[in-house]
Amino acid sequence: MSEQRTAQAAHRQRVVVVGAGMAGVQTAVALREQGFTGPVTLIGAEPHQPYDRPPLSKAILLGTAEGSAFDVDFEALGVELRLGCEVTGVRADAHELDTEAGPVPYDILVLATGAEPVRLPDAEGVPGVHLLRTLDDAARLRPVLAAHHDIVVVGAGWIGAEFATAAREAGRTVTVVEAAGRPLTGALPAEVAAPMADWYAEYGVELLTHARVAAVEPGTVILADGRQLPAGAVVVGIGARPATAWLAGSGSGIALGPDGAITADEYLRTSLPDVYAVGDCASFPSGRYGERLLVHHWDNALQGPRTVAANIIGSLPGGGLPEVPAVYDPVPYFWSEQFGRFVQYAGHHPAADTLMWRGDPAGASWSVLWLRQGALVALLAVGRARDLTQGRKLIVSGARLDPVRAADPSVPLKEAAD
């Protein structure tokens, strides 16, 4: 009888999740799916029903979809939604959150605040300058694509390429300005990104590299070399950073890394008791790759919450799950649709010692493999979904590859494993 009372008490613990994006929503869903019956509150800063972000840069922007709200019945799950509510601090000693609407008590706290876009210096408040991160951003950009504007995109990263693709499909004239000498600097090695630069011209997009923005004026982007670009609209896509500034200034005691990420451990616990962190706002140590990873991609926000939910329930006396915490050590994965191509990536290539081409990068489909001591640690697949599917499994298994067979695109990748 005492064990039953202990279990009942454990499931009366209040879990509060801060952040109503993918990571926050999936944490609430995973708690219920794994048997947690206590109170769950999901707090979101935006007033909208929680929604998925990937469609923002394509379907919603082009008007082929009206919304991307998650297909989750929060009422049926018994999850309390508090939307349009900004959290301003954590008071760990009192187990309370400070919010605009007053204090919110918690027994267990999950931080899933995501990332925020890096803004272009000196462009704040200039008419016609846009970001693309939220549903409201996409709503503001839809009429821009419908108008006959010259559009300048600042940044040739994943978001910049996806927006440029959508703008061209809408019939707009697009120039992409990149400060580095190639697209995807920092994301991919130069030899891999180089053939991807050709995609811009093929799609009718002008790509200007080694081009720094000196100033933005209404209707004009001024580059550091003096060139002036006509710009009916400017879209900034120069990166994202963890949305944790509110923690740094609140004296919460939650440890942050130099990149601004919450430094979670391998169980996604923070430096404070009863506080977890998941998704774009948190880094975690990877045993697989031997370094701390900060992954700003949808799949990480989908997978991490399952580990958080299991560890929350497992930490409760009589919680119903094993007391040994679940380690979070995924193979990172993301995809991008750009310039008529489907690009997928899995793994973490900085850990590699060998790069191998699989197919001709001038062609419509090809892959790049990264190996460490003969074992696959990462791959990029362009139009080769089967390579990605098989490659992910090979990364997990740690199998060594035969280099001759692995480099032959006619050989299924799984058949290249020793």
Protein backbone atom coordinates (compact mmCIF):
# COMPACT_ATOMS: atom_id res chain seq x y z
CA MET A 1 0.00 0.00 0.00
CA SER A 2 2.89 2.36 0.80
CA GLU A 3 4.39 1.70 -2.65
CA GLN A 4 1.07 2.63 -4.24
CA ARG A 5 0.94 5.88 -2.26
CA THR A 6 4.54 6.64 -3.26
CA ALA A 7 3.69 6.13 -6.94
CA GLN A 8 0.61 8.30 -6.62
CA ALA A 9 2.64 11.04 -4.95
CA ALA A 10 5.26 10.84 -7.69
CA HIS A 11 2.65 11.35 -10.35
CA ARG A 12 1.34 14.45 -8.57
CA GLN A 13 4.62 16.21 -9.38
CA ARG A 14 4.00 19.28 -11.54
CA VAL A 15 6.04 19.38 -14.75
CA VAL A 16 6.32 22.76 -16.43
CA VAL A 17 7.73 23.00 -19.96
CA VAL A 18 8.98 26.39 -21.19
CA GLY A 19 8.79 26.63 -24.97
CA ALA A 20 5.89 25.51 -27.18
CA GLY A 21 7.85 24.54 -30.28
CA MET A 22 8.63 21.01 -31.40
CA ALA A 23 10.82 20.14 -28.40
CA GLY A 24 8.36 21.47 -25.84
CA VAL A 25 5.29 19.91 -27.43
CA GLN A 26 6.99 16.55 -27.87
CA THR A 27 8.12 16.59 -24.23
CA ALA A 28 4.52 16.97 -23.09
CA VAL A 29 3.35 14.25 -25.49
CA ALA A 30 6.16 11.87 -24.48
CA LEU A 31 5.37 12.30 -20.78
CA ARG A 32 1.81 11.17 -21.41
CA GLU A 33 2.82 8.37 -23.79
CA GLN A 34 5.24 7.02 -21.19
CA GLY A 35 2.63 7.00 -18.45
CA PHE A 36 3.05 10.20 -16.49
CA THR A 37 -0.31 11.25 -15.06
CA GLY A 38 0.62 14.37 -13.09
CA PRO A 39 0.00 17.99 -14.06
CA VAL A 40 1.82 19.19 -17.20
CA THR A 41 1.89 22.85 -18.18
CA LEU A 42 3.25 24.04 -21.53
CA ILE A 43 4.20 27.73 -21.71
CA GLY A 44 4.73 29.48 -25.06
CA ALA A 45 5.74 33.07 -25.72
CA GLU A 46 3.80 33.25 -29.00
CA PRO A 47 0.00 33.57 -28.93
CA HIS A 48 -0.51 30.99 -31.68
CA GLN A 49 -1.47 27.37 -31.21
CA PRO A 50 1.85 25.45 -31.13
CA TYR A 51 3.09 24.86 -34.67
CA ASP A 52 5.80 23.17 -36.71
CA ARG A 53 8.51 25.38 -38.26
CA PRO A 54 9.79 23.59 -41.41
CA PRO A 55 6.74 24.53 -43.55
CA LEU A 56 7.37 28.23 -42.85
CA SER A 57 10.12 28.49 -45.46
CA LYS A 58 8.11 26.80 -48.19
CA ALA A 59 4.42 25.86 -48.07
CA ILE A 60 3.19 28.61 -45.75
CA LEU A 61 5.41 31.22 -47.37
CA LEU A 62 4.09 30.37 -50.84
CA GLY A 63 0.49 30.08 -49.66
CA THR A 64 0.15 26.38 -50.47
CA ALA A 65 -0.63 25.70 -46.80
CA GLU A 66 -2.55 27.88 -44.36
CA GLY A 67 -0.96 26.67 -41.16
CA SER A 68 1.29 24.11 -39.52
CA ALA A 69 -0.28 23.63 -36.09
CA PHE A 70 0.70 20.36 -34.44
CA ASP A 71 -1.97 17.68 -34.65
CA VAL A 72 -2.09 17.34 -30.88
CA ASP A 73 -5.22 17.43 -28.74
CA PHE A 74 -3.76 19.10 -25.65
CA GLU A 75 -7.07 19.04 -23.82
CA ALA A 76 -7.43 15.29 -24.31
CA LEU A 77 -3.86 14.82 -23.09
CA GLY A 78 -4.56 16.88 -20.00
CA VAL A 79 -1.85 19.40 -20.89
CA GLU A 80 -2.46 22.98 -19.80
CA LEU A 81 -1.47 25.53 -22.46
CA ARG A 82 -0.37 29.02 -21.46
CA LEU A 83 0.25 30.89 -24.70
CA GLY A 84 1.38 34.45 -25.23
CA CYS A 85 3.22 34.20 -21.93
CA GLU A 86 6.88 35.23 -21.76
CA VAL A 87 9.06 33.67 -19.08
CA THR A 88 11.61 36.10 -17.66
CA GLY A 89 13.46 34.09 -15.04
CA VAL A 90 13.89 30.97 -12.92
CA ARG A 91 14.02 31.05 -9.13
CA ALA A 92 15.40 27.63 -8.32
CA ASP A 93 15.30 28.10 -4.55
CA ALA A 94 11.54 28.63 -4.69
CA HIS A 95 10.95 26.23 -7.61
CA GLU A 96 9.16 29.05 -9.45
CA LEU A 97 9.24 30.72 -12.83
CA ASP A 98 8.88 34.45 -13.22
CA THR A 99 6.50 35.28 -16.06
CA GLU A 100 4.70 38.36 -17.31
CA ALA A 101 1.52 36.89 -15.84
CA GLY A 102 3.02 36.22 -12.42
CA PRO A 103 4.93 33.34 -10.78
CA VAL A 104 4.43 29.75 -11.95
CA PRO A 105 5.44 26.98 -9.52
CA TYR A 106 7.06 23.77 -10.74
CA ASP A 107 8.36 20.53 -9.29
CA ILE A 108 10.22 19.59 -12.46
CA LEU A 109 11.14 22.11 -15.14
CA VAL A 110 11.95 21.46 -18.81
CA LEU A 111 13.57 24.26 -20.82
CA ALA A 112 12.77 23.99 -24.53
CA THR A 113 13.05 27.62 -25.62
CA GLY A 114 14.65 26.86 -29.00
CA ALA A 115 16.80 29.29 -30.94
CA GLU A 116 16.43 32.85 -32.17
CA PRO A 117 17.76 34.33 -35.41
CA VAL A 118 20.91 36.40 -35.47
CA ARG A 119 19.96 39.91 -36.53
CA LEU A 120 21.79 42.05 -39.05
CA PRO A 121 23.62 44.90 -37.25
CA ASP A 122 22.30 48.40 -37.95
CA ALA A 123 19.25 47.04 -39.82
CA GLU A 124 16.84 47.12 -36.90
CA GLY A 125 13.79 49.18 -37.68
CA VAL A 126 14.64 49.66 -41.36
CA PRO A 127 11.48 49.18 -43.44
CA GLY A 128 11.49 46.08 -45.60
CA VAL A 129 13.97 44.05 -43.53
CA HIS A 130 12.64 40.62 -42.54
CA LEU A 131 13.56 37.50 -40.59
CA LEU A 132 12.06 34.07 -41.13
CA ARG A 133 11.69 32.20 -37.87
CA THR A 134 8.07 32.48 -36.70
CA LEU A 135 4.58 32.15 -38.09
CA ASP A 136 4.22 35.94 -37.92
CA ASP A 137 7.47 36.32 -39.91
CA ALA A 138 6.08 34.06 -42.64
CA ALA A 139 2.79 35.97 -42.66
CA ARG A 140 4.65 39.26 -43.18
CA LEU A 141 6.73 37.76 -45.99
CA ARG A 142 3.86 36.25 -47.98
CA PRO A 143 2.72 39.58 -49.48
CA VAL A 144 6.37 40.42 -50.19
CA LEU A 145 6.60 37.38 -52.45
CA ALA A 146 3.32 38.34 -54.09
CA ALA A 147 4.65 41.81 -54.96
CA HIS A 148 7.03 42.54 -57.83
CA HIS A 149 10.06 43.20 -55.69
CA ASP A 150 13.77 42.66 -56.14
CA ILE A 151 14.69 40.63 -53.07
CA VAL A 152 18.09 40.52 -51.39
CA VAL A 153 18.81 37.58 -49.09
CA VAL A 154 21.66 38.08 -46.63
CA GLY A 155 23.33 34.76 -45.86
CA ALA A 156 23.84 31.68 -48.04
CA GLY A 157 23.10 29.14 -45.33
CA TRP A 158 20.26 26.61 -45.21
CA ILE A 159 17.52 29.18 -44.51
CA GLY A 160 18.88 31.61 -47.10
CA ALA A 161 18.89 28.91 -49.78
CA GLU A 162 15.38 27.72 -48.90
CA PHE A 163 13.96 31.24 -48.96
CA ALA A 164 15.74 32.04 -52.23
CA THR A 165 14.18 28.90 -53.70
CA ALA A 166 10.69 29.95 -52.60
CA ALA A 167 11.21 33.49 -53.89
CA ARG A 168 12.27 32.24 -57.32
CA GLU A 169 9.26 29.92 -57.43
CA ALA A 170 7.14 33.00 -56.78
CA GLY A 171 8.78 34.67 -59.77
CA ARG A 172 10.87 37.20 -57.88
CA THR A 173 14.36 38.46 -58.79
CA VAL A 174 16.70 37.25 -56.06
CA THR A 175 20.25 38.16 -55.06
CA VAL A 176 21.95 36.29 -52.22
CA VAL A 177 24.76 38.11 -50.42
CA GLU A 178 27.31 35.99 -48.54
CA ALA A 179 30.26 37.42 -46.57
CA ALA A 180 32.28 34.22 -46.94
CA GLY A 181 33.68 32.84 -50.16
CA ARG A 182 31.05 30.11 -50.55
CA PRO A 183 27.68 28.94 -49.29
CA LEU A 184 27.30 27.01 -46.03
CA THR A 185 30.52 28.20 -44.43
CA GLY A 186 30.82 26.54 -41.05
CA ALA A 187 28.32 23.85 -42.00
CA LEU A 188 30.22 21.95 -44.71
CA PRO A 189 33.83 21.74 -45.91
CA ALA A 190 34.79 23.95 -48.85
CA GLU A 191 35.16 21.07 -51.33
CA VAL A 192 31.65 19.83 -50.54
CA ALA A 193 29.94 23.24 -50.60
CA ALA A 194 31.70 24.35 -53.81
CA PRO A 195 29.47 22.39 -56.24
CA MET A 196 26.40 23.56 -54.34
CA ALA A 197 27.24 27.16 -55.26
CA ASP A 198 26.37 26.34 -58.87
CA TRP A 199 22.80 25.55 -57.87
CA TYR A 200 22.04 29.25 -57.36
CA ALA A 201 22.76 30.25 -60.96
CA GLU A 202 20.97 27.17 -62.29
CA TYR A 203 17.85 28.35 -60.45
CA GLY A 204 18.18 31.95 -61.63
CA VAL A 205 19.53 33.32 -58.33
CA GLU A 206 22.55 35.63 -58.29
CA LEU A 207 25.03 34.63 -55.56
CA LEU A 208 27.52 37.27 -54.44
CA THR A 209 30.31 35.87 -52.27
CA HIS A 210 32.97 37.83 -50.34
CA ALA A 211 30.22 40.45 -50.08
CA ARG A 212 29.69 42.16 -46.74
CA VAL A 213 26.70 44.35 -45.99
CA ALA A 214 27.78 47.83 -44.88
CA ALA A 215 24.32 49.34 -44.52
CA VAL A 216 20.67 48.81 -45.33
CA GLU A 217 18.53 51.74 -46.40
CA PRO A 218 14.90 51.65 -47.52
CA GLY A 219 14.99 50.01 -50.96
CA THR A 220 18.76 49.51 -51.04
CA VAL A 221 21.47 47.22 -49.63
CA ILE A 222 24.90 48.86 -49.60
CA LEU A 223 27.88 46.52 -49.68
CA ALA A 224 31.27 47.21 -48.12
CA ASP A 225 32.87 47.60 -51.57
CA GLY A 226 30.40 50.35 -52.43
CA ARG A 227 28.03 48.37 -54.60
CA GLN A 228 24.36 49.19 -54.14
CA LEU A 229 21.72 46.51 -54.66
CA PRO A 230 18.06 47.37 -55.29
CA ALA A 231 16.00 45.69 -52.59
CA GLY A 232 12.26 45.94 -52.35
CA ALA A 233 12.72 43.52 -49.46
CA VAL A 234 15.67 42.17 -47.49
CA VAL A 235 15.54 38.77 -45.81
CA VAL A 236 18.21 38.04 -43.20
CA GLY A 237 19.37 34.47 -42.69
CA ILE A 238 22.79 34.68 -41.03
CA GLY A 239 22.35 32.03 -38.38
CA ALA A 240 20.65 31.32 -35.08
CA ARG A 241 21.66 31.14 -31.44
CA PRO A 242 20.08 29.51 -28.40
CA ALA A 243 17.21 31.56 -27.00
CA THR A 244 18.72 31.77 -23.52
CA ALA A 245 19.49 35.46 -23.01
CA TRP A 246 16.69 35.60 -20.46
CA LEU A 247 18.52 32.97 -18.38
CA ALA A 248 21.87 34.75 -18.57
CA GLY A 249 20.30 37.88 -17.15
CA SER A 250 18.05 36.31 -14.54
CA GLY A 251 20.66 34.94 -12.13
CA SER A 252 19.04 31.50 -12.39
CA GLY A 253 22.27 29.59 -11.78
CA ILE A 254 21.71 27.44 -14.87
CA ALA A 255 25.08 26.93 -16.55
CA LEU A 256 25.46 28.21 -20.10
CA GLY A 257 28.28 27.53 -22.56
CA PRO A 258 30.21 30.18 -24.51
CA ASP A 259 27.78 29.63 -27.39
CA GLY A 260 24.88 30.56 -25.13
CA ALA A 261 23.55 27.02 -24.98
CA ILE A 262 22.38 25.43 -21.76
CA THR A 263 25.06 22.85 -20.95
CA ALA A 264 23.01 19.73 -20.33
CA ASP A 265 24.61 16.43 -19.33
CA GLU A 266 24.24 13.15 -21.20
CA TYR A 267 20.81 12.69 -19.57
CA LEU A 268 19.71 16.21 -20.64
CA ARG A 269 19.80 17.45 -17.05
CA THR A 270 21.01 20.99 -16.40
CA SER A 271 23.29 22.21 -13.62
CA LEU A 272 20.24 22.70 -11.38
CA PRO A 273 18.31 19.87 -9.71
CA ASP A 274 14.92 19.07 -11.27
CA VAL A 275 15.66 21.12 -14.38
CA TYR A 276 16.13 19.59 -17.86
CA ALA A 277 16.91 21.17 -21.23
CA VAL A 278 16.15 19.89 -24.72
CA GLY A 279 16.20 20.98 -28.35
CA ASP A 280 17.90 23.98 -29.94
CA CYS A 281 18.60 25.73 -26.64
CA ALA A 282 20.77 22.96 -25.18
CA SER A 283 24.10 21.31 -25.92
CA PHE A 284 24.93 17.79 -24.77
CA PRO A 285 28.07 15.62 -24.59
CA SER A 286 28.24 12.99 -27.33
CA GLY A 287 30.08 9.80 -26.48
CA ARG A 288 29.78 8.78 -30.12
CA TYR A 289 31.68 11.84 -31.36
CA GLY A 290 33.73 12.70 -28.28
CA GLU A 291 32.62 16.31 -28.01
CA ARG A 292 29.75 18.50 -26.93
CA LEU A 293 27.14 19.02 -29.67
CA LEU A 294 24.70 21.88 -30.24
CA VAL A 295 22.20 20.70 -32.86
CA HIS A 296 19.77 23.24 -34.34
CA HIS A 297 17.61 20.84 -36.30
CA TRP A 298 14.07 19.48 -36.23
CA ASP A 299 15.02 15.85 -35.59
CA ASN A 300 16.91 16.74 -32.42
CA ALA A 301 13.81 18.52 -31.13
CA LEU A 302 11.80 15.39 -31.92
CA GLN A 303 14.13 12.78 -30.40
CA GLY A 304 15.42 14.51 -27.28
CA PRO A 305 12.02 14.83 -25.54
CA ARG A 306 11.66 11.04 -25.35
CA THR A 307 14.86 10.87 -23.31
CA VAL A 308 13.76 13.77 -21.11
CA ALA A 309 10.37 12.18 -20.43
CA ALA A 310 11.93 8.81 -19.58
CA ASN A 311 14.42 10.40 -17.21
CA ILE A 312 11.79 12.55 -15.50
CA ILE A 313 9.55 9.56 -14.84
CA GLY A 314 12.49 7.34 -13.91
CA SER A 315 13.69 9.89 -11.35
CA LEU A 316 10.41 9.78 -9.45
CA PRO A 317 9.99 7.22 -6.63
CA GLY A 318 7.60 4.61 -7.97
CA GLY A 319 7.63 6.42 -11.32
CA GLY A 320 7.30 3.18 -13.24
CA LEU A 321 10.48 3.34 -15.34
CA PRO A 322 14.00 2.05 -14.58
CA GLU A 323 15.98 4.29 -12.26
CA VAL A 324 19.04 4.10 -14.55
CA PRO A 325 18.86 7.30 -16.63
CA ALA A 326 18.61 7.10 -20.39
CA VAL A 327 21.62 8.53 -22.22
CA TYR A 328 20.99 10.90 -25.12
CA ASP A 329 23.55 10.33 -27.88
CA PRO A 330 21.78 10.54 -31.26
CA VAL A 331 23.10 10.56 -34.80
CA PRO A 332 22.18 14.15 -35.77
CA TYR A 333 19.99 14.40 -38.87
CA PHE A 334 18.45 17.15 -40.95
CA TRP A 335 17.15 17.84 -44.44
CA SER A 336 16.72 20.82 -46.74
CA GLU A 337 14.73 21.36 -49.90
CA GLN A 338 16.49 23.89 -52.11
CA PHE A 339 16.89 24.66 -55.81
CA GLY A 340 14.93 21.58 -56.87
CA ARG A 341 17.03 19.22 -54.76
CA PHE A 342 16.41 17.22 -51.61
CA VAL A 343 19.48 17.41 -49.38
CA GLN A 344 19.92 15.21 -46.31
CA TYR A 345 22.68 15.01 -43.75
CA ALA A 346 23.35 12.59 -40.90
CA GLY A 347 26.14 12.43 -38.37
CA HIS A 348 28.92 14.86 -37.43
CA HIS A 349 31.71 15.18 -39.97
CA PRO A 350 34.35 17.12 -37.95
CA ALA A 351 35.14 13.81 -36.24
CA ALA A 352 36.22 12.25 -39.56
CA ASP A 353 39.69 11.66 -40.98
CA THR A 354 38.62 10.72 -44.53
CA LEU A 355 36.23 12.28 -47.06
CA MET A 356 34.90 10.15 -49.92
CA TRP A 357 32.72 11.06 -52.91
CA ARG A 358 29.97 8.72 -54.01
CA GLY A 359 28.84 9.87 -57.43
CA ASP A 360 29.52 12.98 -59.49
CA PRO A 361 28.79 16.28 -57.69
CA ALA A 362 28.03 17.84 -61.07
CA GLY A 363 25.15 15.40 -61.47
CA ALA A 364 21.61 15.39 -60.13
CA SER A 365 22.32 12.94 -57.29
CA TRP A 366 25.42 12.19 -55.27
CA SER A 367 26.63 11.62 -51.73
CA VAL A 368 29.64 12.46 -49.61
CA LEU A 369 30.86 10.05 -46.95
CA TRP A 370 33.00 10.95 -43.95
CA LEU A 371 34.89 8.12 -42.26
CA ARG A 372 36.97 7.80 -39.12
CA GLN A 373 39.37 4.87 -39.07
CA GLY A 374 37.30 3.27 -41.80
CA ALA A 375 33.94 3.63 -40.08
CA LEU A 376 31.21 5.95 -41.36
CA VAL A 377 30.59 8.92 -39.04
CA ALA A 378 28.62 11.26 -41.34
CA LEU A 379 27.17 11.58 -44.82
CA LEU A 380 25.52 14.15 -47.04
CA ALA A 381 23.05 12.81 -49.60
CA VAL A 382 21.73 14.85 -52.53
CA GLY A 383 18.82 13.08 -54.15
CA ARG A 384 19.96 9.73 -52.72
CA ALA A 385 17.53 8.99 -49.91
CA ARG A 386 18.53 5.32 -49.79
CA ASP A 387 22.14 6.27 -49.05
CA LEU A 388 20.93 8.36 -46.14
CA THR A 389 18.67 5.65 -44.72
CA GLN A 390 21.32 2.95 -44.96
CA GLY A 391 24.11 5.29 -43.90
CA ARG A 392 22.38 6.27 -40.68
CA LYS A 393 22.19 2.64 -39.66
CA LEU A 394 25.86 2.13 -40.49
CA ILE A 395 26.81 5.11 -38.34
CA VAL A 396 24.87 3.66 -35.41
CA SER A 397 26.43 0.21 -35.84
CA GLY A 398 29.96 1.56 -36.25
CA ALA A 399 30.60 -0.80 -39.16
CA ARG A 400 33.75 -0.31 -41.23
CA LEU A 401 33.32 0.25 -44.97
CA ASP A 402 35.18 -1.20 -47.91
CA PRO A 403 36.40 2.02 -49.61
CA VAL A 404 36.14 0.69 -53.17
CA ARG A 405 32.55 -0.48 -52.81
CA ALA A 406 31.54 2.56 -50.74
CA ALA A 407 32.72 4.89 -53.51
CA ASP A 408 30.70 3.07 -56.17
CA PRO A 409 27.22 4.68 -56.31
CA SER A 410 25.81 1.59 -58.04
CA VAL A 411 26.52 -0.51 -54.95
CA PRO A 412 23.97 -0.18 -52.11
CA LEU A 413 25.78 1.47 -49.24
CA LYS A 414 24.85 -1.28 -46.79
CA GLU A 415 26.68 -3.77 -49.04
CA ALA A 416 29.89 -1.81 -48.58
CA ALA A 417 30.06 -2.70 -44.89
CA ASP A 418 32.80 -5.17 -43.94
